[in-house]
Amino acid sequence: MAAPTEAQIAHLELIEELDTHAIQKSFRSSTWKPNQRRNKNLKAIVGDASKREASALATPADGSGAATPARDDGLSTSGTSTPATTGNSGSNTAPNLAQASSSLSKLVLEKSLKPPTVGGGTTPAATYTNIESAPSLAHSKRYCDVTGLPAPYFDPKSRMRYHNKEIFALIRTLPQSTAELYLEARGAHTILK
């Protein structure tokens, strides 16, 4: 075997220099620290929103100002001020995000609790806490009457839905009374008089 040339030696040195596998790296940065703020899950957020709505609905609208003093935080839902930039309009202060968030939740709560107009007749928007919503326009999914798996096939003789050929073979061996019981469970049973 011939001795390595100068170019081959330089190439091997370059490969060893660029090899990132030999460098020891810790998995996590030494400066990384976990977030100290606990995030709420969707269930907690929806629960808080429903509690706010329930407390707002429980408070009478006609004399509530006399019983409970209003919190004057400088927030207005009339659109006259922007909460993130309240104060001097010429100053370059940082936006107050907590105040903006508070104003946004106040605005959403007022809008959702606003009674429907008499002449407009608009329907209330569907929310997580409002179950009075229109039925879905999406196609209903079809499931196998025997297994409960998605059913791409339909047997015209027994009117049963099935998942695959094994279930089809089972459906064809069923007596008509049993097939009718499966249809009755799905709500597709018809009784002729």
N, C-alpha and C. Protein backbone atom coordinates (compact mmCIF):
# COMPACT_ATOMS: atom_id res chain seq x y z
N MET A 1 0.84 -1.16 0.00
CA MET A 1 0.00 0.00 0.00
C MET A 1 0.89 1.23 0.00
N ALA A 2 0.54 2.19 -0.81
CA ALA A 2 1.37 3.39 -0.96
C ALA A 2 1.12 4.33 0.21
N ALA A 3 2.11 5.11 0.52
CA ALA A 3 2.00 6.09 1.59
C ALA A 3 1.03 7.18 1.17
N PRO A 4 0.23 7.71 2.15
CA PRO A 4 -0.74 8.74 1.79
C PRO A 4 -0.03 10.01 1.30
N THR A 5 -0.65 10.63 0.33
CA THR A 5 -0.07 11.86 -0.21
C THR A 5 -0.43 13.02 0.71
N GLU A 6 0.17 14.15 0.39
CA GLU A 6 -0.05 15.35 1.21
C GLU A 6 -1.51 15.79 1.12
N ALA A 7 -2.13 15.66 -0.03
CA ALA A 7 -3.53 16.05 -0.22
C ALA A 7 -4.46 15.14 0.58
N GLN A 8 -4.14 13.83 0.61
CA GLN A 8 -4.96 12.91 1.38
C GLN A 8 -4.85 13.18 2.87
N ILE A 9 -3.66 13.50 3.34
CA ILE A 9 -3.47 13.84 4.77
C ILE A 9 -4.26 15.10 5.12
N ALA A 10 -4.19 16.11 4.26
CA ALA A 10 -4.93 17.36 4.49
C ALA A 10 -6.44 17.09 4.50
N HIS A 11 -6.89 16.20 3.62
CA HIS A 11 -8.31 15.86 3.56
C HIS A 11 -8.77 15.15 4.84
N LEU A 12 -7.98 14.21 5.35
CA LEU A 12 -8.33 13.51 6.60
C LEU A 12 -8.34 14.47 7.78
N GLU A 13 -7.40 15.42 7.83
CA GLU A 13 -7.38 16.42 8.92
C GLU A 13 -8.62 17.30 8.85
N LEU A 14 -9.02 17.67 7.64
CA LEU A 14 -10.23 18.50 7.48
C LEU A 14 -11.47 17.74 7.93
N ILE A 15 -11.56 16.45 7.60
CA ILE A 15 -12.71 15.63 8.02
C ILE A 15 -12.77 15.55 9.54
N GLU A 16 -11.64 15.33 10.20
CA GLU A 16 -11.62 15.26 11.67
C GLU A 16 -11.95 16.61 12.30
N GLU A 17 -11.56 17.69 11.65
CA GLU A 17 -11.86 19.03 12.17
C GLU A 17 -13.35 19.35 12.06
N LEU A 18 -13.98 18.93 10.97
CA LEU A 18 -15.39 19.23 10.74
C LEU A 18 -16.34 18.20 11.35
N ASP A 19 -15.83 17.15 11.94
CA ASP A 19 -16.67 16.10 12.52
C ASP A 19 -17.39 16.64 13.76
N THR A 20 -18.70 16.78 13.67
CA THR A 20 -19.48 17.31 14.80
C THR A 20 -19.84 16.22 15.80
N HIS A 21 -19.65 14.98 15.42
CA HIS A 21 -19.99 13.88 16.33
C HIS A 21 -19.03 13.82 17.52
N ALA A 22 -17.81 14.24 17.32
CA ALA A 22 -16.82 14.16 18.38
C ALA A 22 -16.99 15.27 19.41
N ILE A 23 -17.73 16.33 19.09
CA ILE A 23 -17.91 17.45 20.01
C ILE A 23 -18.94 17.06 21.06
N GLN A 24 -18.62 17.26 22.33
CA GLN A 24 -19.56 16.95 23.41
C GLN A 24 -20.57 18.09 23.53
N LYS A 25 -21.85 17.74 23.45
CA LYS A 25 -22.92 18.72 23.59
C LYS A 25 -23.90 18.22 24.64
N SER A 26 -24.33 19.11 25.49
CA SER A 26 -25.38 18.72 26.43
C SER A 26 -26.70 18.82 25.70
N PHE A 27 -27.68 18.03 26.15
CA PHE A 27 -28.98 18.01 25.50
C PHE A 27 -29.70 19.35 25.65
N ARG A 28 -29.60 19.93 26.82
CA ARG A 28 -30.31 21.16 27.13
C ARG A 28 -29.30 22.27 27.38
N SER A 29 -29.66 23.48 26.99
CA SER A 29 -28.81 24.62 27.23
C SER A 29 -28.66 24.84 28.73
N SER A 30 -27.48 25.26 29.15
CA SER A 30 -27.26 25.47 30.59
C SER A 30 -28.02 26.68 31.10
N THR A 31 -28.41 27.59 30.20
CA THR A 31 -29.14 28.79 30.63
C THR A 31 -30.65 28.60 30.58
N TRP A 32 -31.14 27.44 30.11
CA TRP A 32 -32.57 27.23 29.97
C TRP A 32 -33.22 27.00 31.33
N LYS A 33 -34.35 27.66 31.55
CA LYS A 33 -35.15 27.47 32.76
C LYS A 33 -36.60 27.31 32.34
N PRO A 34 -37.37 26.49 33.05
CA PRO A 34 -38.78 26.32 32.66
C PRO A 34 -39.57 27.60 32.91
N ASN A 35 -40.65 27.74 32.17
CA ASN A 35 -41.52 28.89 32.30
C ASN A 35 -42.16 28.89 33.68
N GLN A 36 -42.11 30.01 34.37
CA GLN A 36 -42.66 30.09 35.72
C GLN A 36 -44.17 30.29 35.72
N ARG A 37 -44.73 30.72 34.60
CA ARG A 37 -46.16 30.97 34.52
C ARG A 37 -46.87 29.70 34.12
N ARG A 38 -47.89 29.32 34.87
CA ARG A 38 -48.67 28.12 34.53
C ARG A 38 -49.69 28.46 33.47
N ASN A 39 -49.73 27.68 32.45
CA ASN A 39 -50.71 27.89 31.38
C ASN A 39 -51.99 27.13 31.73
N LYS A 40 -53.11 27.74 31.36
CA LYS A 40 -54.40 27.09 31.60
C LYS A 40 -54.75 26.22 30.41
N ASN A 41 -55.40 25.10 30.69
CA ASN A 41 -55.89 24.28 29.59
C ASN A 41 -57.26 24.79 29.16
N LEU A 42 -57.78 24.25 28.07
CA LEU A 42 -59.03 24.72 27.50
C LEU A 42 -60.19 24.57 28.48
N LYS A 43 -60.20 23.50 29.26
CA LYS A 43 -61.29 23.28 30.21
C LYS A 43 -61.31 24.38 31.27
N ALA A 44 -60.14 24.80 31.75
CA ALA A 44 -60.08 25.86 32.75
C ALA A 44 -60.51 27.20 32.16
N ILE A 45 -60.13 27.47 30.91
CA ILE A 45 -60.50 28.73 30.27
C ILE A 45 -62.00 28.80 30.07
N VAL A 46 -62.60 27.71 29.59
CA VAL A 46 -64.04 27.69 29.36
C VAL A 46 -64.79 27.79 30.69
N GLY A 47 -64.27 27.13 31.71
CA GLY A 47 -64.90 27.21 33.03
C GLY A 47 -64.88 28.63 33.59
N ASP A 48 -63.74 29.32 33.45
CA ASP A 48 -63.65 30.71 33.91
C ASP A 48 -64.61 31.60 33.14
N ALA A 49 -64.70 31.40 31.83
CA ALA A 49 -65.60 32.22 31.02
C ALA A 49 -67.05 31.99 31.41
N SER A 50 -67.43 30.73 31.68
CA SER A 50 -68.82 30.47 32.06
C SER A 50 -69.13 31.03 33.44
N LYS A 51 -68.14 31.03 34.35
CA LYS A 51 -68.35 31.65 35.67
C LYS A 51 -68.55 33.15 35.52
N ARG A 52 -67.75 33.79 34.64
CA ARG A 52 -67.91 35.24 34.42
C ARG A 52 -69.29 35.53 33.84
N GLU A 53 -69.72 34.71 32.86
CA GLU A 53 -71.04 34.93 32.27
C GLU A 53 -72.15 34.72 33.31
N ALA A 54 -72.01 33.69 34.14
CA ALA A 54 -73.05 33.42 35.15
C ALA A 54 -73.11 34.56 36.16
N SER A 55 -71.96 35.08 36.56
CA SER A 55 -71.98 36.18 37.53
C SER A 55 -72.53 37.45 36.90
N ALA A 56 -72.26 37.65 35.61
CA ALA A 56 -72.80 38.84 34.94
C ALA A 56 -74.31 38.72 34.76
N LEU A 57 -74.79 37.50 34.49
CA LEU A 57 -76.22 37.31 34.32
C LEU A 57 -76.96 37.39 35.65
N ALA A 58 -76.30 37.00 36.74
CA ALA A 58 -76.94 37.03 38.06
C ALA A 58 -77.06 38.45 38.58
N THR A 59 -76.23 39.36 38.12
CA THR A 59 -76.28 40.75 38.57
C THR A 59 -77.41 41.46 37.85
N PRO A 60 -78.36 42.10 38.60
CA PRO A 60 -79.45 42.81 37.92
C PRO A 60 -78.89 44.01 37.15
N ALA A 61 -79.44 44.25 35.96
CA ALA A 61 -78.92 45.30 35.09
C ALA A 61 -79.43 46.68 35.47
N ASP A 62 -80.62 46.77 36.10
CA ASP A 62 -81.20 48.09 36.33
C ASP A 62 -80.56 48.84 37.50
N GLY A 63 -80.31 48.23 38.61
CA GLY A 63 -79.78 48.95 39.75
C GLY A 63 -78.43 48.43 40.19
N SER A 64 -77.69 47.82 39.31
CA SER A 64 -76.44 47.19 39.74
C SER A 64 -75.38 48.21 40.10
N GLY A 65 -75.42 49.41 39.55
CA GLY A 65 -74.42 50.42 39.85
C GLY A 65 -74.57 50.94 41.26
N ALA A 66 -75.78 50.95 41.79
CA ALA A 66 -76.00 51.45 43.14
C ALA A 66 -75.48 50.46 44.18
N ALA A 67 -75.64 49.17 43.89
CA ALA A 67 -75.21 48.17 44.85
C ALA A 67 -73.72 47.90 44.78
N THR A 68 -73.18 47.89 43.59
CA THR A 68 -71.76 47.58 43.40
C THR A 68 -71.08 48.76 42.73
N PRO A 69 -70.08 49.35 43.36
CA PRO A 69 -69.41 50.47 42.71
C PRO A 69 -68.65 49.98 41.48
N ALA A 70 -68.72 50.77 40.42
CA ALA A 70 -68.06 50.38 39.19
C ALA A 70 -66.55 50.55 39.32
N ARG A 71 -65.82 49.66 38.72
CA ARG A 71 -64.36 49.74 38.74
C ARG A 71 -63.95 50.71 37.64
N ASP A 72 -63.42 51.83 38.02
CA ASP A 72 -63.01 52.83 37.03
C ASP A 72 -61.57 52.58 36.67
N ASP A 73 -61.39 51.77 35.63
CA ASP A 73 -60.02 51.48 35.21
C ASP A 73 -59.66 52.21 33.93
N GLY A 74 -60.48 53.15 33.53
CA GLY A 74 -60.18 53.93 32.34
C GLY A 74 -60.49 53.19 31.05
N LEU A 75 -61.18 52.05 31.16
CA LEU A 75 -61.48 51.27 29.97
C LEU A 75 -62.87 51.62 29.47
N SER A 76 -62.98 51.73 28.19
CA SER A 76 -64.25 52.04 27.58
C SER A 76 -64.48 51.09 26.43
N THR A 77 -65.70 50.59 26.33
CA THR A 77 -66.00 49.71 25.21
C THR A 77 -66.70 50.47 24.10
N SER A 78 -66.76 51.77 24.22
CA SER A 78 -67.41 52.56 23.18
C SER A 78 -66.50 52.81 22.00
N GLY A 79 -65.22 52.50 22.12
CA GLY A 79 -64.30 52.70 21.02
C GLY A 79 -63.59 54.04 21.08
N THR A 80 -63.79 54.80 22.14
CA THR A 80 -63.16 56.12 22.22
C THR A 80 -61.70 56.05 22.60
N SER A 81 -61.29 55.00 23.26
CA SER A 81 -59.88 54.90 23.63
C SER A 81 -59.36 53.52 23.31
N THR A 82 -58.09 53.45 23.01
CA THR A 82 -57.44 52.17 22.77
C THR A 82 -56.68 51.82 24.02
N PRO A 83 -56.99 50.73 24.70
CA PRO A 83 -56.38 50.45 26.00
C PRO A 83 -54.88 50.22 25.93
N ALA A 84 -54.38 49.75 24.82
CA ALA A 84 -52.95 49.48 24.75
C ALA A 84 -52.15 50.75 24.66
N THR A 85 -52.77 51.87 24.25
CA THR A 85 -52.03 53.11 24.09
C THR A 85 -52.75 54.27 24.77
N THR A 86 -53.37 54.06 25.93
CA THR A 86 -54.05 55.14 26.62
C THR A 86 -53.00 56.06 27.23
N GLY A 87 -53.43 57.24 27.55
CA GLY A 87 -52.50 58.21 28.14
C GLY A 87 -52.17 59.27 27.11
N ASN A 88 -50.95 59.78 27.18
CA ASN A 88 -50.54 60.83 26.26
C ASN A 88 -50.38 60.23 24.87
N SER A 89 -50.99 60.89 23.89
CA SER A 89 -50.92 60.35 22.54
C SER A 89 -49.56 60.63 21.92
N GLY A 90 -48.82 61.61 22.41
CA GLY A 90 -47.54 61.94 21.83
C GLY A 90 -46.38 61.18 22.44
N SER A 91 -46.58 60.53 23.60
CA SER A 91 -45.46 59.85 24.26
C SER A 91 -45.25 58.48 23.65
N ASN A 92 -44.03 58.04 23.67
CA ASN A 92 -43.67 56.72 23.14
C ASN A 92 -43.54 55.73 24.28
N THR A 93 -44.64 55.44 24.98
CA THR A 93 -44.59 54.48 26.07
C THR A 93 -44.90 53.10 25.55
N ALA A 94 -44.46 52.10 26.27
CA ALA A 94 -44.74 50.73 25.88
C ALA A 94 -46.21 50.43 26.10
N PRO A 95 -46.84 49.64 25.23
CA PRO A 95 -48.27 49.34 25.40
C PRO A 95 -48.52 48.51 26.66
N ASN A 96 -49.62 48.79 27.31
CA ASN A 96 -50.01 48.07 28.51
C ASN A 96 -50.84 46.87 28.08
N LEU A 97 -50.19 45.72 27.95
CA LEU A 97 -50.86 44.53 27.43
C LEU A 97 -51.86 43.95 28.40
N ALA A 98 -51.62 44.07 29.70
CA ALA A 98 -52.57 43.55 30.68
C ALA A 98 -53.88 44.32 30.60
N GLN A 99 -53.77 45.63 30.44
CA GLN A 99 -54.96 46.46 30.34
C GLN A 99 -55.69 46.16 29.03
N ALA A 100 -54.95 45.94 27.95
CA ALA A 100 -55.58 45.62 26.67
C ALA A 100 -56.30 44.28 26.74
N SER A 101 -55.70 43.30 27.40
CA SER A 101 -56.32 41.99 27.54
C SER A 101 -57.59 42.09 28.38
N SER A 102 -57.52 42.87 29.46
CA SER A 102 -58.69 43.05 30.31
C SER A 102 -59.81 43.72 29.53
N SER A 103 -59.45 44.72 28.70
CA SER A 103 -60.45 45.41 27.91
C SER A 103 -61.07 44.48 26.88
N LEU A 104 -60.24 43.61 26.27
CA LEU A 104 -60.76 42.70 25.27
C LEU A 104 -61.75 41.72 25.89
N SER A 105 -61.42 41.18 27.06
CA SER A 105 -62.35 40.24 27.69
C SER A 105 -63.63 40.95 28.11
N LYS A 106 -63.50 42.22 28.53
CA LYS A 106 -64.69 43.01 28.90
C LYS A 106 -65.56 43.25 27.67
N LEU A 107 -64.93 43.57 26.54
CA LEU A 107 -65.66 43.83 25.32
C LEU A 107 -66.38 42.58 24.83
N VAL A 108 -65.70 41.44 24.87
CA VAL A 108 -66.30 40.18 24.43
C VAL A 108 -67.47 39.81 25.33
N LEU A 109 -67.30 39.99 26.64
CA LEU A 109 -68.38 39.66 27.58
C LEU A 109 -69.58 40.55 27.34
N GLU A 110 -69.36 41.87 27.14
CA GLU A 110 -70.49 42.77 26.90
C GLU A 110 -71.19 42.44 25.59
N LYS A 111 -70.42 42.10 24.57
CA LYS A 111 -71.02 41.79 23.28
C LYS A 111 -71.83 40.50 23.35
N SER A 112 -71.33 39.50 24.07
CA SER A 112 -72.06 38.24 24.14
C SER A 112 -73.28 38.34 25.04
N LEU A 113 -73.27 39.25 26.00
CA LEU A 113 -74.42 39.39 26.91
C LEU A 113 -75.43 40.41 26.43
N LYS A 114 -75.13 41.10 25.32
CA LYS A 114 -76.04 42.12 24.81
C LYS A 114 -77.33 41.45 24.35
N PRO A 115 -78.50 41.92 24.79
CA PRO A 115 -79.76 41.29 24.36
C PRO A 115 -79.95 41.52 22.87
N PRO A 116 -80.61 40.56 22.19
CA PRO A 116 -80.83 40.72 20.75
C PRO A 116 -81.75 41.90 20.48
N THR A 117 -81.51 42.57 19.37
CA THR A 117 -82.31 43.73 19.02
C THR A 117 -83.70 43.27 18.61
N VAL A 118 -84.71 44.12 18.89
CA VAL A 118 -86.09 43.76 18.62
C VAL A 118 -86.35 43.75 17.11
N GLY A 119 -85.86 44.76 16.41
CA GLY A 119 -86.12 44.85 14.97
C GLY A 119 -85.18 43.97 14.17
N GLY A 120 -83.94 43.77 14.65
CA GLY A 120 -82.94 43.03 13.88
C GLY A 120 -83.22 41.55 13.86
N GLY A 121 -83.56 40.98 15.00
CA GLY A 121 -83.87 39.57 15.07
C GLY A 121 -82.66 38.68 14.80
N THR A 122 -81.49 39.11 15.22
CA THR A 122 -80.31 38.28 14.97
C THR A 122 -80.29 37.13 15.96
N THR A 123 -79.75 36.01 15.53
CA THR A 123 -79.65 34.84 16.40
C THR A 123 -78.36 34.92 17.19
N PRO A 124 -78.33 34.36 18.40
CA PRO A 124 -77.10 34.42 19.18
C PRO A 124 -76.02 33.53 18.56
N ALA A 125 -74.78 33.96 18.73
CA ALA A 125 -73.67 33.19 18.18
C ALA A 125 -73.44 31.94 19.02
N ALA A 126 -73.00 30.87 18.38
CA ALA A 126 -72.72 29.63 19.09
C ALA A 126 -71.36 29.74 19.74
N THR A 127 -71.30 29.47 21.03
CA THR A 127 -70.05 29.49 21.76
C THR A 127 -69.89 28.16 22.48
N TYR A 128 -68.79 28.02 23.22
CA TYR A 128 -68.58 26.78 23.96
C TYR A 128 -69.60 26.62 25.08
N THR A 129 -70.14 27.74 25.57
CA THR A 129 -71.10 27.66 26.67
C THR A 129 -72.53 27.75 26.17
N ASN A 130 -72.75 27.92 24.89
CA ASN A 130 -74.08 28.07 24.33
C ASN A 130 -74.37 26.86 23.46
N ILE A 131 -75.35 26.05 23.85
CA ILE A 131 -75.63 24.84 23.08
C ILE A 131 -76.73 25.06 22.07
N GLU A 132 -77.36 26.24 22.05
CA GLU A 132 -78.40 26.51 21.07
C GLU A 132 -77.75 26.94 19.77
N SER A 133 -77.28 25.98 19.00
CA SER A 133 -76.66 26.30 17.72
C SER A 133 -77.35 25.47 16.64
N ALA A 134 -77.17 25.90 15.40
CA ALA A 134 -77.80 25.23 14.27
C ALA A 134 -77.19 23.86 14.08
N PRO A 135 -77.93 22.93 13.51
CA PRO A 135 -77.36 21.61 13.25
C PRO A 135 -76.23 21.70 12.22
N SER A 136 -75.34 20.76 12.29
CA SER A 136 -74.18 20.76 11.40
C SER A 136 -74.60 20.50 9.96
N LEU A 137 -73.93 21.19 9.03
CA LEU A 137 -74.20 20.98 7.63
C LEU A 137 -73.26 19.94 7.02
N ALA A 138 -72.30 19.46 7.81
CA ALA A 138 -71.36 18.46 7.32
C ALA A 138 -72.06 17.11 7.17
N HIS A 139 -71.56 16.30 6.26
CA HIS A 139 -72.13 14.97 6.06
C HIS A 139 -71.91 14.13 7.32
N SER A 140 -72.91 13.38 7.69
CA SER A 140 -72.76 12.52 8.87
C SER A 140 -71.88 11.34 8.51
N LYS A 141 -71.05 10.92 9.46
CA LYS A 141 -70.18 9.78 9.21
C LYS A 141 -71.00 8.51 9.32
N ARG A 142 -70.65 7.52 8.51
CA ARG A 142 -71.38 6.26 8.50
C ARG A 142 -70.50 5.19 9.12
N TYR A 143 -71.08 4.46 10.06
CA TYR A 143 -70.34 3.43 10.78
C TYR A 143 -71.00 2.07 10.58
N CYS A 144 -70.16 1.04 10.70
CA CYS A 144 -70.62 -0.33 10.54
C CYS A 144 -71.62 -0.66 11.65
N ASP A 145 -72.74 -1.30 11.27
CA ASP A 145 -73.76 -1.65 12.25
C ASP A 145 -73.31 -2.75 13.18
N VAL A 146 -72.34 -3.55 12.80
CA VAL A 146 -71.90 -4.67 13.63
C VAL A 146 -70.69 -4.27 14.48
N THR A 147 -69.67 -3.68 13.85
CA THR A 147 -68.42 -3.42 14.57
C THR A 147 -68.27 -1.99 15.07
N GLY A 148 -68.93 -1.03 14.46
CA GLY A 148 -68.77 0.36 14.84
C GLY A 148 -67.62 1.04 14.14
N LEU A 149 -66.93 0.34 13.24
CA LEU A 149 -65.84 0.93 12.46
C LEU A 149 -66.43 1.73 11.30
N PRO A 150 -65.63 2.61 10.66
CA PRO A 150 -66.15 3.33 9.50
C PRO A 150 -66.65 2.36 8.43
N ALA A 151 -67.82 2.67 7.85
CA ALA A 151 -68.47 1.74 6.93
C ALA A 151 -68.56 2.35 5.53
N PRO A 152 -67.66 1.97 4.65
CA PRO A 152 -67.75 2.48 3.28
C PRO A 152 -68.76 1.72 2.42
N TYR A 153 -69.30 0.60 2.92
CA TYR A 153 -70.16 -0.25 2.12
C TYR A 153 -71.57 -0.34 2.71
N PHE A 154 -72.53 -0.67 1.82
CA PHE A 154 -73.94 -0.76 2.22
C PHE A 154 -74.54 -1.99 1.55
N ASP A 155 -75.24 -2.81 2.34
CA ASP A 155 -75.89 -4.00 1.80
C ASP A 155 -77.34 -3.65 1.47
N PRO A 156 -77.72 -3.65 0.19
CA PRO A 156 -79.09 -3.25 -0.16
C PRO A 156 -80.15 -4.26 0.28
N LYS A 157 -79.76 -5.51 0.44
CA LYS A 157 -80.74 -6.53 0.83
C LYS A 157 -81.19 -6.34 2.27
N SER A 158 -80.23 -6.17 3.18
CA SER A 158 -80.58 -6.02 4.60
C SER A 158 -80.58 -4.56 5.05
N ARG A 159 -80.14 -3.63 4.19
CA ARG A 159 -80.02 -2.20 4.46
C ARG A 159 -79.03 -1.91 5.59
N MET A 160 -78.09 -2.81 5.81
CA MET A 160 -77.08 -2.62 6.86
C MET A 160 -75.79 -2.10 6.25
N ARG A 161 -75.07 -1.31 7.03
CA ARG A 161 -73.76 -0.81 6.63
C ARG A 161 -72.71 -1.76 7.19
N TYR A 162 -71.62 -1.96 6.41
CA TYR A 162 -70.59 -2.88 6.89
C TYR A 162 -69.21 -2.36 6.53
N HIS A 163 -68.20 -2.87 7.26
CA HIS A 163 -66.83 -2.38 7.15
C HIS A 163 -66.01 -3.13 6.10
N ASN A 164 -66.11 -4.44 6.03
CA ASN A 164 -65.30 -5.21 5.09
C ASN A 164 -66.04 -6.49 4.68
N LYS A 165 -65.37 -7.32 3.89
CA LYS A 165 -66.05 -8.50 3.34
C LYS A 165 -66.36 -9.55 4.40
N GLU A 166 -65.58 -9.61 5.49
CA GLU A 166 -65.89 -10.58 6.54
C GLU A 166 -67.20 -10.23 7.23
N ILE A 167 -67.40 -8.94 7.46
CA ILE A 167 -68.66 -8.49 8.08
C ILE A 167 -69.82 -8.70 7.11
N PHE A 168 -69.56 -8.49 5.80
CA PHE A 168 -70.59 -8.72 4.80
C PHE A 168 -71.04 -10.19 4.81
N ALA A 169 -70.07 -11.09 4.93
CA ALA A 169 -70.40 -12.52 4.99
C ALA A 169 -71.24 -12.81 6.23
N LEU A 170 -70.90 -12.16 7.35
CA LEU A 170 -71.68 -12.35 8.58
C LEU A 170 -73.09 -11.80 8.42
N ILE A 171 -73.22 -10.63 7.78
CA ILE A 171 -74.53 -10.01 7.60
C ILE A 171 -75.43 -10.89 6.74
N ARG A 172 -74.88 -11.52 5.72
CA ARG A 172 -75.68 -12.37 4.83
C ARG A 172 -76.15 -13.65 5.52
N THR A 173 -75.45 -14.05 6.58
CA THR A 173 -75.89 -15.26 7.30
C THR A 173 -76.89 -14.93 8.41
N LEU A 174 -77.07 -13.66 8.73
CA LEU A 174 -78.00 -13.27 9.81
C LEU A 174 -79.44 -13.46 9.36
N PRO A 175 -80.32 -13.88 10.27
CA PRO A 175 -81.75 -13.90 9.93
C PRO A 175 -82.29 -12.47 9.85
N GLN A 176 -83.40 -12.30 9.16
CA GLN A 176 -83.96 -10.97 8.95
C GLN A 176 -84.32 -10.28 10.27
N SER A 177 -84.76 -11.03 11.26
CA SER A 177 -85.14 -10.42 12.55
C SER A 177 -83.92 -9.82 13.24
N THR A 178 -82.77 -10.48 13.15
CA THR A 178 -81.55 -9.95 13.77
C THR A 178 -81.07 -8.71 13.03
N ALA A 179 -81.16 -8.73 11.71
CA ALA A 179 -80.78 -7.55 10.92
C ALA A 179 -81.66 -6.37 11.26
N GLU A 180 -82.96 -6.63 11.49
CA GLU A 180 -83.88 -5.56 11.87
C GLU A 180 -83.53 -5.00 13.25
N LEU A 181 -83.04 -5.87 14.15
CA LEU A 181 -82.61 -5.37 15.46
C LEU A 181 -81.40 -4.45 15.34
N TYR A 182 -80.47 -4.80 14.46
CA TYR A 182 -79.32 -3.91 14.22
C TYR A 182 -79.78 -2.58 13.64
N LEU A 183 -80.72 -2.62 12.70
CA LEU A 183 -81.24 -1.38 12.11
C LEU A 183 -81.99 -0.55 13.15
N GLU A 184 -82.70 -1.23 14.04
CA GLU A 184 -83.44 -0.53 15.09
C GLU A 184 -82.47 0.18 16.05
N ALA A 185 -81.34 -0.46 16.32
CA ALA A 185 -80.34 0.16 17.19
C ALA A 185 -79.76 1.41 16.56
N ARG A 186 -79.63 1.42 15.23
CA ARG A 186 -79.11 2.59 14.52
C ARG A 186 -80.19 3.64 14.33
N GLY A 187 -81.45 3.27 14.43
CA GLY A 187 -82.55 4.23 14.23
C GLY A 187 -83.03 4.23 12.79
N ALA A 188 -82.69 3.21 12.01
CA ALA A 188 -83.09 3.15 10.61
C ALA A 188 -84.12 2.05 10.38
N HIS A 189 -84.76 1.60 11.45
CA HIS A 189 -85.73 0.51 11.36
C HIS A 189 -87.07 1.07 10.91
N THR A 190 -87.67 0.48 9.90
CA THR A 190 -88.99 0.91 9.43
C THR A 190 -89.98 -0.22 9.68
N ILE A 191 -91.14 0.17 10.17
CA ILE A 191 -92.20 -0.81 10.45
C ILE A 191 -93.32 -0.56 9.45
N LEU A 192 -93.63 -1.56 8.66
CA LEU A 192 -94.72 -1.46 7.68
C LEU A 192 -95.98 -2.06 8.28
N LYS A 193 -97.12 -1.35 8.13
CA LYS A 193 -98.39 -1.83 8.67
C LYS A 193 -99.31 -2.22 7.56
